[in-house]
């Protein structure tokens, strides 16, 4: 029995010490290029396309008020906070729709 418990304890200790897969909060901003019921795609100032997954926990804000994700429209400028491993794998936490620039309503 002892011969069985020692290796089991060693494996358990190694598994407990292994780092968990980390996800980070990443900020991205840009102009909306596409919207579906489950995603918002935007182009950053650098020209990179980023697709944010939208779920029931995503908060969308316009002029300080919470609105539905359906409020996001192509052409709007947004700032978003997402959770994921990289810009290629983001679930939107918060999306703020920026007010239109002066003279661009």
N, C-alpha and C. Protein backbone atom coordinates (compact mmCIF):
# COMPACT_ATOMS: atom_id res chain seq x y z
N UNK A 1 0.82 -1.20 0.00
CA UNK A 1 0.00 0.00 0.00
C UNK A 1 0.86 1.26 0.00
N UNK A 2 1.94 1.21 0.78
CA UNK A 2 2.84 2.35 0.86
C UNK A 2 3.48 2.65 -0.49
N UNK A 3 3.81 1.64 -1.25
CA UNK A 3 4.42 1.80 -2.56
C UNK A 3 3.47 2.52 -3.52
N UNK A 4 2.20 2.37 -3.30
CA UNK A 4 1.19 3.00 -4.15
C UNK A 4 0.97 4.46 -3.74
N UNK A 5 0.97 4.74 -2.45
CA UNK A 5 0.66 6.09 -1.96
C UNK A 5 1.76 7.10 -2.23
N UNK A 6 3.02 6.68 -2.16
CA UNK A 6 4.12 7.61 -2.37
C UNK A 6 4.11 8.19 -3.79
N UNK A 7 4.03 7.36 -4.85
CA UNK A 7 3.95 7.95 -6.20
C UNK A 7 2.68 8.78 -6.40
N UNK A 8 1.59 8.36 -5.82
CA UNK A 8 0.35 9.12 -5.93
C UNK A 8 0.50 10.50 -5.30
N UNK A 9 1.15 10.56 -4.15
CA UNK A 9 1.39 11.84 -3.48
C UNK A 9 2.30 12.72 -4.32
N UNK A 10 3.31 12.13 -4.94
CA UNK A 10 4.24 12.90 -5.77
C UNK A 10 3.54 13.48 -6.99
N UNK A 11 2.70 12.69 -7.64
CA UNK A 11 1.96 13.17 -8.81
C UNK A 11 0.99 14.27 -8.39
N UNK A 12 0.33 14.10 -7.27
CA UNK A 12 -0.60 15.12 -6.78
C UNK A 12 0.12 16.44 -6.51
N UNK A 13 1.31 16.36 -5.94
CA UNK A 13 2.08 17.57 -5.64
C UNK A 13 2.48 18.27 -6.94
N UNK A 14 2.87 17.50 -7.96
CA UNK A 14 3.25 18.10 -9.24
C UNK A 14 2.06 18.77 -9.91
N UNK A 15 0.92 18.12 -9.88
CA UNK A 15 -0.28 18.70 -10.51
C UNK A 15 -0.71 19.97 -9.79
N UNK A 16 -0.60 19.98 -8.49
CA UNK A 16 -0.99 21.17 -7.72
C UNK A 16 -0.05 22.33 -8.01
N UNK A 17 1.20 22.04 -8.31
CA UNK A 17 2.18 23.10 -8.57
C UNK A 17 2.14 23.61 -10.01
N UNK A 18 1.48 22.86 -10.91
CA UNK A 18 1.42 23.28 -12.31
C UNK A 18 0.62 24.56 -12.44
N UNK A 19 1.10 25.51 -13.23
CA UNK A 19 0.36 26.77 -13.38
C UNK A 19 -0.95 26.55 -14.13
N UNK A 20 -1.96 27.27 -13.70
CA UNK A 20 -3.25 27.22 -14.37
C UNK A 20 -3.16 28.02 -15.66
N UNK A 21 -4.01 27.71 -16.62
CA UNK A 21 -4.05 28.48 -17.86
C UNK A 21 -4.55 29.88 -17.53
N UNK A 22 -3.78 30.86 -17.89
CA UNK A 22 -4.11 32.24 -17.53
C UNK A 22 -4.86 32.93 -18.66
N UNK A 23 -5.84 33.71 -18.27
CA UNK A 23 -6.55 34.59 -19.19
C UNK A 23 -6.32 36.00 -18.69
N UNK A 24 -6.26 36.93 -19.61
CA UNK A 24 -6.00 38.31 -19.24
C UNK A 24 -7.15 39.20 -19.68
N UNK A 25 -7.27 40.34 -19.02
CA UNK A 25 -8.19 41.37 -19.47
C UNK A 25 -7.41 42.24 -20.44
N UNK A 26 -7.93 42.37 -21.65
CA UNK A 26 -7.26 43.15 -22.69
C UNK A 26 -8.18 44.26 -23.16
N UNK A 27 -7.61 45.44 -23.38
CA UNK A 27 -8.37 46.58 -23.87
C UNK A 27 -8.13 46.75 -25.36
N UNK A 28 -9.19 47.07 -26.08
CA UNK A 28 -9.08 47.30 -27.52
C UNK A 28 -10.05 48.42 -27.89
N UNK A 29 -9.67 49.19 -28.87
CA UNK A 29 -10.54 50.29 -29.34
C UNK A 29 -10.47 50.36 -30.85
N UNK A 30 -11.57 50.79 -31.45
CA UNK A 30 -11.57 50.93 -32.89
C UNK A 30 -12.96 51.22 -33.43
N UNK A 31 -13.07 51.12 -34.75
CA UNK A 31 -14.34 51.38 -35.42
C UNK A 31 -15.00 50.05 -35.74
N UNK A 32 -16.29 49.95 -35.45
CA UNK A 32 -17.05 48.73 -35.68
C UNK A 32 -17.19 48.47 -37.18
N UNK A 33 -16.83 47.25 -37.60
CA UNK A 33 -16.92 46.88 -39.01
C UNK A 33 -18.00 45.84 -39.27
N UNK A 34 -18.43 45.12 -38.23
CA UNK A 34 -19.49 44.12 -38.38
C UNK A 34 -20.08 43.81 -37.01
N UNK A 35 -21.37 43.50 -37.00
CA UNK A 35 -22.06 43.14 -35.76
C UNK A 35 -22.99 41.97 -36.05
N UNK A 36 -22.94 40.93 -35.20
CA UNK A 36 -23.91 39.84 -35.25
C UNK A 36 -24.50 39.71 -33.86
N UNK A 37 -25.40 38.77 -33.68
CA UNK A 37 -26.01 38.56 -32.37
C UNK A 37 -24.98 38.09 -31.34
N UNK A 38 -23.87 37.50 -31.81
CA UNK A 38 -22.88 36.95 -30.89
C UNK A 38 -21.50 37.58 -30.97
N UNK A 39 -21.29 38.51 -31.91
CA UNK A 39 -19.96 39.11 -32.05
C UNK A 39 -20.03 40.58 -32.44
N UNK A 40 -18.95 41.28 -32.10
CA UNK A 40 -18.71 42.64 -32.57
C UNK A 40 -17.30 42.62 -33.15
N UNK A 41 -17.18 43.03 -34.40
CA UNK A 41 -15.86 43.08 -35.04
C UNK A 41 -15.48 44.55 -35.19
N UNK A 42 -14.22 44.86 -34.89
CA UNK A 42 -13.77 46.23 -35.06
C UNK A 42 -12.38 46.27 -35.65
N UNK A 43 -12.06 47.43 -36.24
CA UNK A 43 -10.74 47.65 -36.82
C UNK A 43 -10.04 48.68 -35.93
N UNK A 44 -8.86 48.31 -35.44
CA UNK A 44 -8.10 49.21 -34.58
C UNK A 44 -7.43 50.31 -35.41
N UNK A 45 -6.85 51.29 -34.72
CA UNK A 45 -6.12 52.36 -35.41
C UNK A 45 -4.97 51.79 -36.23
N UNK A 46 -4.43 50.67 -35.77
CA UNK A 46 -3.31 50.02 -36.46
C UNK A 46 -3.77 49.20 -37.66
N UNK A 47 -5.10 49.11 -37.86
CA UNK A 47 -5.64 48.37 -39.00
C UNK A 47 -5.93 46.90 -38.74
N UNK A 48 -5.75 46.46 -37.51
CA UNK A 48 -5.98 45.06 -37.16
C UNK A 48 -7.47 44.81 -36.92
N UNK A 49 -8.00 43.72 -37.48
CA UNK A 49 -9.38 43.33 -37.22
C UNK A 49 -9.44 42.49 -35.95
N UNK A 50 -10.34 42.85 -35.04
CA UNK A 50 -10.51 42.14 -33.79
C UNK A 50 -11.98 41.77 -33.66
N UNK A 51 -12.25 40.50 -33.36
CA UNK A 51 -13.63 40.05 -33.16
C UNK A 51 -13.83 39.74 -31.68
N UNK A 52 -14.81 40.40 -31.08
CA UNK A 52 -15.16 40.18 -29.69
C UNK A 52 -16.40 39.32 -29.61
N UNK A 53 -16.34 38.27 -28.82
CA UNK A 53 -17.54 37.46 -28.58
C UNK A 53 -18.41 38.20 -27.56
N UNK A 54 -19.70 38.24 -27.81
CA UNK A 54 -20.65 38.90 -26.92
C UNK A 54 -21.53 37.84 -26.29
N UNK A 55 -21.72 37.93 -24.96
CA UNK A 55 -22.61 36.98 -24.29
C UNK A 55 -23.53 37.73 -23.33
N UNK A 56 -24.27 37.00 -22.56
CA UNK A 56 -25.24 37.62 -21.64
C UNK A 56 -24.60 38.45 -20.54
N UNK A 57 -23.32 38.28 -20.32
CA UNK A 57 -22.62 39.05 -19.28
C UNK A 57 -21.97 40.31 -19.82
N UNK A 58 -21.98 40.51 -21.13
CA UNK A 58 -21.35 41.69 -21.72
C UNK A 58 -22.18 42.94 -21.40
N UNK A 59 -21.50 43.97 -20.87
CA UNK A 59 -22.16 45.25 -20.59
C UNK A 59 -21.83 46.22 -21.72
N UNK A 60 -22.86 46.82 -22.30
CA UNK A 60 -22.68 47.81 -23.36
C UNK A 60 -23.21 49.14 -22.82
N UNK A 61 -22.40 50.19 -22.97
CA UNK A 61 -22.76 51.49 -22.43
C UNK A 61 -22.70 52.55 -23.53
N UNK A 62 -23.72 53.40 -23.56
CA UNK A 62 -23.79 54.53 -24.48
C UNK A 62 -24.23 55.75 -23.67
N UNK A 63 -23.44 56.80 -23.71
CA UNK A 63 -23.75 58.05 -22.99
C UNK A 63 -24.02 57.79 -21.50
N UNK A 64 -23.23 56.88 -20.91
CA UNK A 64 -23.36 56.60 -19.48
C UNK A 64 -24.49 55.68 -19.10
N UNK A 65 -25.27 55.20 -20.07
CA UNK A 65 -26.41 54.33 -19.77
C UNK A 65 -26.19 52.95 -20.38
N UNK A 66 -26.61 51.94 -19.66
CA UNK A 66 -26.49 50.57 -20.17
C UNK A 66 -27.53 50.34 -21.26
N UNK A 67 -27.06 49.77 -22.37
CA UNK A 67 -27.93 49.46 -23.50
C UNK A 67 -27.68 48.01 -23.92
N UNK A 68 -28.44 47.53 -24.87
CA UNK A 68 -28.26 46.15 -25.34
C UNK A 68 -27.15 46.10 -26.38
N UNK A 69 -26.54 44.93 -26.56
CA UNK A 69 -25.52 44.80 -27.61
C UNK A 69 -26.06 45.13 -29.00
N UNK A 70 -27.36 45.00 -29.21
CA UNK A 70 -27.96 45.32 -30.51
C UNK A 70 -27.86 46.80 -30.84
N UNK A 71 -27.53 47.62 -29.84
CA UNK A 71 -27.36 49.06 -30.04
C UNK A 71 -26.09 49.37 -30.82
N UNK A 72 -25.12 48.47 -30.77
CA UNK A 72 -23.84 48.69 -31.47
C UNK A 72 -24.08 48.58 -32.97
N UNK A 73 -23.62 49.59 -33.72
CA UNK A 73 -23.83 49.64 -35.16
C UNK A 73 -22.50 49.80 -35.90
N UNK A 74 -22.47 49.30 -37.11
CA UNK A 74 -21.30 49.44 -37.97
C UNK A 74 -20.99 50.93 -38.14
N UNK A 75 -19.72 51.28 -38.03
CA UNK A 75 -19.29 52.67 -38.18
C UNK A 75 -19.05 53.38 -36.87
N UNK A 76 -19.63 52.87 -35.77
CA UNK A 76 -19.43 53.52 -34.48
C UNK A 76 -18.02 53.26 -33.96
N UNK A 77 -17.54 54.18 -33.16
CA UNK A 77 -16.26 54.03 -32.48
C UNK A 77 -16.54 53.45 -31.10
N UNK A 78 -15.80 52.39 -30.73
CA UNK A 78 -16.01 51.75 -29.44
C UNK A 78 -14.68 51.50 -28.74
N UNK A 79 -14.78 51.37 -27.43
CA UNK A 79 -13.66 50.95 -26.59
C UNK A 79 -14.18 49.73 -25.84
N UNK A 80 -13.39 48.65 -25.81
CA UNK A 80 -13.88 47.43 -25.19
C UNK A 80 -12.83 46.83 -24.27
N UNK A 81 -13.32 46.17 -23.24
CA UNK A 81 -12.48 45.39 -22.36
C UNK A 81 -12.91 43.94 -22.55
N UNK A 82 -11.95 43.09 -22.89
CA UNK A 82 -12.26 41.69 -23.13
C UNK A 82 -11.42 40.78 -22.28
N UNK A 83 -11.87 39.54 -22.16
CA UNK A 83 -11.20 38.53 -21.37
C UNK A 83 -10.77 37.41 -22.30
N UNK A 84 -9.48 37.10 -22.32
CA UNK A 84 -8.99 36.04 -23.19
C UNK A 84 -7.50 35.91 -23.15
N UNK A 85 -6.98 35.06 -24.03
CA UNK A 85 -5.54 34.82 -24.09
C UNK A 85 -4.82 35.84 -24.98
N UNK A 86 -5.53 36.39 -25.96
CA UNK A 86 -4.94 37.34 -26.89
C UNK A 86 -6.07 38.11 -27.58
N UNK A 87 -5.71 39.04 -28.46
CA UNK A 87 -6.73 39.78 -29.20
C UNK A 87 -7.50 38.87 -30.15
N UNK A 88 -6.98 37.68 -30.43
CA UNK A 88 -7.66 36.75 -31.33
C UNK A 88 -8.69 35.89 -30.58
N UNK A 89 -8.76 36.03 -29.26
CA UNK A 89 -9.61 35.16 -28.45
C UNK A 89 -10.22 35.96 -27.30
N UNK A 90 -11.13 36.87 -27.63
CA UNK A 90 -11.68 37.75 -26.59
C UNK A 90 -13.19 37.59 -26.42
N UNK A 91 -13.59 37.53 -25.16
CA UNK A 91 -15.01 37.61 -24.81
C UNK A 91 -15.19 39.00 -24.22
N UNK A 92 -16.10 39.77 -24.76
CA UNK A 92 -16.30 41.16 -24.32
C UNK A 92 -16.89 41.19 -22.91
N UNK A 93 -16.27 41.96 -22.05
CA UNK A 93 -16.79 42.20 -20.70
C UNK A 93 -17.56 43.52 -20.72
N UNK A 94 -16.89 44.57 -21.19
CA UNK A 94 -17.49 45.91 -21.28
C UNK A 94 -17.24 46.47 -22.66
N UNK A 95 -18.26 47.08 -23.24
CA UNK A 95 -18.13 47.78 -24.52
C UNK A 95 -18.72 49.17 -24.32
N UNK A 96 -17.92 50.18 -24.59
CA UNK A 96 -18.40 51.56 -24.48
C UNK A 96 -18.47 52.14 -25.88
N UNK A 97 -19.65 52.59 -26.26
CA UNK A 97 -19.84 53.24 -27.56
C UNK A 97 -19.47 54.70 -27.37
N UNK A 98 -18.45 55.14 -28.11
CA UNK A 98 -18.00 56.53 -28.00
C UNK A 98 -18.98 57.45 -28.73
N UNK A 99 -19.16 58.66 -28.21
CA UNK A 99 -20.03 59.61 -28.90
C UNK A 99 -19.42 59.98 -30.25
N UNK A 100 -20.26 60.29 -31.23
CA UNK A 100 -19.71 60.68 -32.54
C UNK A 100 -18.87 61.95 -32.41
N UNK A 101 -17.85 62.04 -33.25
CA UNK A 101 -17.01 63.24 -33.25
C UNK A 101 -17.87 64.45 -33.63
N UNK A 102 -17.48 65.60 -33.16
CA UNK A 102 -18.23 66.83 -33.44
C UNK A 102 -18.45 66.97 -34.94
N UNK A 103 -19.69 67.19 -35.33
CA UNK A 103 -20.03 67.37 -36.74
C UNK A 103 -20.24 66.07 -37.50
N UNK A 104 -20.19 64.91 -36.81
CA UNK A 104 -20.37 63.62 -37.49
C UNK A 104 -21.51 62.83 -36.88
N UNK A 105 -22.70 63.36 -36.93
CA UNK A 105 -23.84 62.65 -36.34
C UNK A 105 -24.56 61.83 -37.30
